[in-house]
C-alpha atoms as a PDB file:
ATOM      1  CA  MET A   1      95.676 107.859  99.570  1.00  0.00           C
ATOM      2  CA  ALA A   2      98.366 105.319 100.473  1.00  0.00           C
ATOM      3  CA  GLU A   3      98.544 106.878 103.939  1.00  0.00           C
ATOM      4  CA  SER A   4      94.930 105.847 104.543  1.00  0.00           C
ATOM      5  CA  ALA A   5      95.670 102.225 103.622  1.00  0.00           C
ATOM      6  CA  PRO A   6      96.654 101.030 107.144  1.00  0.00           C
ATOM      7  CA  VAL A   7      93.445 102.523 108.596  1.00  0.00           C
ATOM      8  CA  LEU A   8      91.371 100.773 105.922  1.00  0.00           C
ATOM      9  CA  LEU A   9      93.203  97.492 106.556  1.00  0.00           C
ATOM     10  CA  ASP A  10      92.506  97.700 110.290  1.00  0.00           C
ATOM     11  CA  ALA A  11      88.834  98.488 109.667  1.00  0.00           C
ATOM     12  CA  PHE A  12      88.569  95.475 107.334  1.00  0.00           C
ATOM     13  CA  LEU A  13      90.230  93.236 109.939  1.00  0.00           C
ATOM     14  CA  ASN A  14      87.774  94.500 112.571  1.00  0.00           C
ATOM     15  CA  SER A  15      84.775  93.581 110.394  1.00  0.00           C
ATOM     16  CA  LEU A  16      86.351  90.246 109.491  1.00  0.00           C
ATOM     17  CA  TYR A  17      86.972  89.435 113.150  1.00  0.00           C
ATOM     18  CA  ARG A  18      83.407  90.302 114.135  1.00  0.00           C
ATOM     19  CA  CYS A  19      82.069  88.268 111.197  1.00  0.00           C
ATOM     20  CA  LEU A  20      84.067  85.212 112.235  1.00  0.00           C
ATOM     21  CA  LYS A  21      83.093  85.540 115.891  1.00  0.00           C
ATOM     22  CA  ASN A  22      79.418  85.774 114.945  1.00  0.00           C
ATOM     23  CA  ASP A  23      79.786  82.752 112.674  1.00  0.00           C
ATOM     24  CA  ARG A  24      81.492  80.845 115.496  1.00  0.00           C
ATOM     25  CA  ASP A  25      78.625  81.789 117.827  1.00  0.00           C
ATOM     26  CA  GLY A  26      75.995  80.608 115.323  1.00  0.00           C
ATOM     27  CA  ASP A  27      74.629  84.053 114.438  1.00  0.00           C
ATOM     28  CA  ALA A  28      74.578  83.814 110.626  1.00  0.00           C
ATOM     29  CA  LEU A  29      72.727  87.096 110.068  1.00  0.00           C
ATOM     30  CA  ALA A  30      75.167  89.118 112.183  1.00  0.00           C
ATOM     31  CA  ALA A  31      78.078  87.362 110.453  1.00  0.00           C
ATOM     32  CA  ARG A  32      76.725  88.326 107.027  1.00  0.00           C
ATOM     33  CA  MET A  33      76.076  91.895 108.158  1.00  0.00           C
ATOM     34  CA  ASP A  34      79.629  92.289 109.493  1.00  0.00           C
ATOM     35  CA  ALA A  35      81.013  90.744 106.313  1.00  0.00           C
ATOM     36  CA  ALA A  36      79.027  93.250 104.266  1.00  0.00           C
ATOM     37  CA  GLU A  37      80.345  96.131 106.391  1.00  0.00           C
ATOM     38  CA  GLY A  38      83.898  94.985 105.709  1.00  0.00           C
ATOM     39  CA  VAL A  39      83.622  95.033 101.905  1.00  0.00           C
ATOM     40  CA  PRO A  40      84.049  98.829 101.479  1.00  0.00           C
ATOM     41  CA  PHE A  41      87.133  98.768 103.727  1.00  0.00           C
ATOM     42  CA  TYR A  42      88.598  95.789 101.850  1.00  0.00           C
ATOM     43  CA  LEU A  43      88.029  97.422  98.466  1.00  0.00           C
ATOM     44  CA  GLY A  44      89.239 100.798  99.720  1.00  0.00           C
ATOM     45  CA  TYR A  45      92.428  99.123 100.931  1.00  0.00           C
ATOM     46  CA  VAL A  46      93.266  97.210  97.743  1.00  0.00           C
ATOM     47  CA  PHE A  47      92.641 100.288  95.595  1.00  0.00           C
ATOM     48  CA  ALA A  48      94.568 102.589  97.984  1.00  0.00           C
ATOM     49  CA  LEU A  49      97.609 100.322  97.715  1.00  0.00           C
ATOM     50  CA  GLU A  50      97.781 101.326  94.068  1.00  0.00           C
ATOM     51  CA  GLY A  51      97.060 105.007  94.690  1.00  0.00           C
ATOM     52  CA  ARG A  52      93.545 104.695  93.337  1.00  0.00           C
ATOM     53  CA  VAL A  53      90.135 105.590  94.692  1.00  0.00           C
ATOM     54  CA  ARG A  54      87.679 102.762  95.193  1.00  0.00           C
ATOM     55  CA  PRO A  55      85.013 102.983  92.482  1.00  0.00           C
ATOM     56  CA  TYR A  56      81.323 103.082  93.237  1.00  0.00           C
ATOM     57  CA  ASN A  57      79.805  99.593  93.395  1.00  0.00           C
ATOM     58  CA  LYS A  58      78.064 100.184  90.075  1.00  0.00           C
ATOM     59  CA  TYR A  59      81.437 100.676  88.343  1.00  0.00           C
ATOM     60  CA  LEU A  60      83.549  98.127  90.230  1.00  0.00           C
ATOM     61  CA  GLY A  61      83.219  95.388  87.602  1.00  0.00           C
ATOM     62  CA  TRP A  62      83.919  97.809  84.753  1.00  0.00           C
ATOM     63  CA  GLU A  63      86.949  99.238  86.578  1.00  0.00           C
ATOM     64  CA  LEU A  64      88.431  95.810  87.285  1.00  0.00           C
ATOM     65  CA  ARG A  65      87.874  94.746  83.674  1.00  0.00           C
ATOM     66  CA  HIS A  66      89.228  97.886  82.006  1.00  0.00           C
ATOM     67  CA  HIS A  67      91.811  99.051  84.555  1.00  0.00           C
ATOM     68  CA  PRO A  68      92.797  95.920  86.477  1.00  0.00           C
ATOM     69  CA  LEU A  69      94.632  96.139  89.759  1.00  0.00           C
ATOM     70  CA  ASP A  70      98.228  94.936  89.729  1.00  0.00           C
ATOM     71  CA  TRP A  71      97.467  91.968  91.990  1.00  0.00           C
ATOM     72  CA  PRO A  72      96.355  88.541  90.712  1.00  0.00           C
ATOM     73  CA  GLN A  73      93.818  88.034  93.533  1.00  0.00           C
ATOM     74  CA  ALA A  74      91.994  91.170  92.358  1.00  0.00           C
ATOM     75  CA  ARG A  75      91.249  89.810  88.898  1.00  0.00           C
ATOM     76  CA  HIS A  76      87.744  90.744  87.798  1.00  0.00           C
ATOM     77  CA  GLY A  77      86.143  87.293  87.898  1.00  0.00           C
ATOM     78  CA  HIS A  78      87.963  86.080  91.002  1.00  0.00           C
ATOM     79  CA  LEU A  79      87.343  89.097  93.210  1.00  0.00           C
ATOM     80  CA  LEU A  80      83.742  89.690  92.145  1.00  0.00           C
ATOM     81  CA  GLY A  81      83.047  85.973  92.598  1.00  0.00           C
ATOM     82  CA  LEU A  82      84.411  86.048  96.153  1.00  0.00           C
ATOM     83  CA  LEU A  83      82.450  89.178  97.007  1.00  0.00           C
ATOM     84  CA  GLY A  84      79.274  87.542  95.678  1.00  0.00           C
ATOM     85  CA  GLU A  85      79.899  84.436  97.811  1.00  0.00           C
ATOM     86  CA  LEU A  86      80.723  86.537 100.850  1.00  0.00           C
ATOM     87  CA  LEU A  87      77.415  88.332 100.689  1.00  0.00           C
ATOM     88  CA  SER A  88      75.308  85.254 100.023  1.00  0.00           C
ATOM     89  CA  GLY A  89      76.267  82.072 101.798  1.00  0.00           C
ATOM     90  CA  GLU A  90      79.513  80.645 103.111  1.00  0.00           C
ATOM     91  CA  VAL A  91      80.451  83.808 104.945  1.00  0.00           C
ATOM     92  CA  ALA A  92      83.228  82.576 107.242  1.00  0.00           C
ATOM     93  CA  CYS A  93      84.990  80.478 104.604  1.00  0.00           C
ATOM     94  CA  THR A  94      84.925  83.252 102.021  1.00  0.00           C
ATOM     95  CA  ALA A  95      85.867  85.973 104.527  1.00  0.00           C
ATOM     96  CA  ARG A  96      88.896  83.917 105.522  1.00  0.00           C
ATOM     97  CA  GLN A  97      89.866  83.442 101.879  1.00  0.00           C
ATOM     98  CA  LEU A  98      89.802  87.212 101.336  1.00  0.00           C
ATOM     99  CA  PHE A  99      92.107  87.656 104.321  1.00  0.00           C
ATOM    100  CA  VAL A 100      94.473  84.785 103.494  1.00  0.00           C
ATOM    101  CA  GLU A 101      94.927  86.196  99.989  1.00  0.00           C
ATOM    102  CA  LEU A 102      95.345  89.761 101.273  1.00  0.00           C
ATOM    103  CA  GLU A 103      97.737  89.126 104.177  1.00  0.00           C
ATOM    104  CA  PRO A 104     100.922  88.565 102.096  1.00  0.00           C
ATOM    105  CA  ARG A 105     100.232  91.729 100.100  1.00  0.00           C
ATOM    106  CA  ALA A 106      99.660  93.744 103.274  1.00  0.00           C
ATOM    107  CA  ARG A 107     102.949  92.444 104.698  1.00  0.00           C
ATOM    108  CA  ALA A 108     104.778  93.157 101.431  1.00  0.00           C
ATOM    109  CA  VAL A 109     103.788  96.834 101.569  1.00  0.00           C
ATOM    110  CA  GLY A 110     104.899  97.196 105.192  1.00  0.00           C
ATOM    111  CA  HIS A 111     101.599  96.944 107.065  1.00  0.00           C
ATOM    112  CA  ASP A 112     102.928  94.349 109.524  1.00  0.00           C
ATOM    113  CA  PRO A 113     102.184  96.603 112.537  1.00  0.00           C
ATOM    114  CA  VAL A 114      98.462  96.640 111.719  1.00  0.00           C
ATOM    115  CA  LEU A 115      98.435  92.861 111.367  1.00  0.00           C
ATOM    116  CA  ALA A 116     100.559  92.373 114.491  1.00  0.00           C
ATOM    117  CA  SER A 117      98.103  94.467 116.514  1.00  0.00           C
ATOM    118  CA  TRP A 118      95.592  91.635 116.058  1.00  0.00           C
ATOM    119  CA  GLY A 119      97.915  89.174 117.821  1.00  0.00           C
ATOM    120  CA  GLU A 120      96.600  85.628 118.212  1.00  0.00           C
ATOM    121  CA  ASP A 121      93.310  86.596 116.581  1.00  0.00           C
ATOM    122  CA  LEU A 122      95.065  86.304 113.219  1.00  0.00           C
ATOM    123  CA  THR A 123      94.900  82.534 113.771  1.00  0.00           C
ATOM    124  CA  LEU A 124      91.099  82.710 113.745  1.00  0.00           C
ATOM    125  CA  MET A 125      91.189  84.929 110.665  1.00  0.00           C
ATOM    126  CA  ARG A 126      93.404  82.429 108.849  1.00  0.00           C
ATOM    127  CA  GLY A 127      91.124  79.529 109.723  1.00  0.00           C
ATOM    128  CA  GLY A 128      92.892  78.072 112.730  1.00  0.00           C
ATOM    129  CA  PRO A 129      91.120  76.882 115.844  1.00  0.00           C
ATOM    130  CA  PRO A 130      88.996  79.641 117.358  1.00  0.00           C
ATOM    131  CA  ARG A 131      89.760  81.014 120.773  1.00  0.00           C
ATOM    132  CA  PRO A 132      87.078  80.686 123.430  1.00  0.00           C
ATOM    133  CA  ALA A 133      84.304  83.277 123.449  1.00  0.00           C
ATOM    134  CA  GLY A 134      85.258  86.491 125.176  1.00  0.00           C
ATOM    135  CA  GLY A 135      88.743  86.785 123.632  1.00  0.00           C
ATOM    136  CA  GLY A 136      89.827  89.434 121.208  1.00  0.00           C
ATOM    137  CA  ARG A 137      91.030  92.979 121.085  1.00  0.00           C
ATOM    138  CA  VAL A 138      90.058  95.404 123.778  1.00  0.00           C
ATOM    139  CA  GLY A 139      86.643  96.888 123.176  1.00  0.00           C
ATOM    140  CA  LEU A 140      85.367  94.075 120.959  1.00  0.00           C
ATOM    141  CA  PRO A 141      82.550  91.922 122.323  1.00  0.00           C
END
């Protein structure tokens, strides 16, 4: 399970990057859709870091309440609140908050190479000034 964590992290970063680019370009629907696609990867990653399988959406709240993750940012109310915001309104702001909270944990468990592969695009993910349209990793529009 832990061996799948870097793949899940990279997939989350891909969705986050697309979400932020769509938000930058004024396409709110596409931004929300990419944010929604990133949620399973994000949850899969944070659960995989603890050797656990991501619960079905129906049981996520129960799982976080009764078997909390060993990470303060994954507290039941905090995480579910962010996920609710992400899927409803302030997509870019909330997506960045998920990343900014997750990045130190990803680095602490040795996933620096995955983060480093995103190069300067991490600045956009953290909330820095966006690069001009057309930038990004190879293969990403």
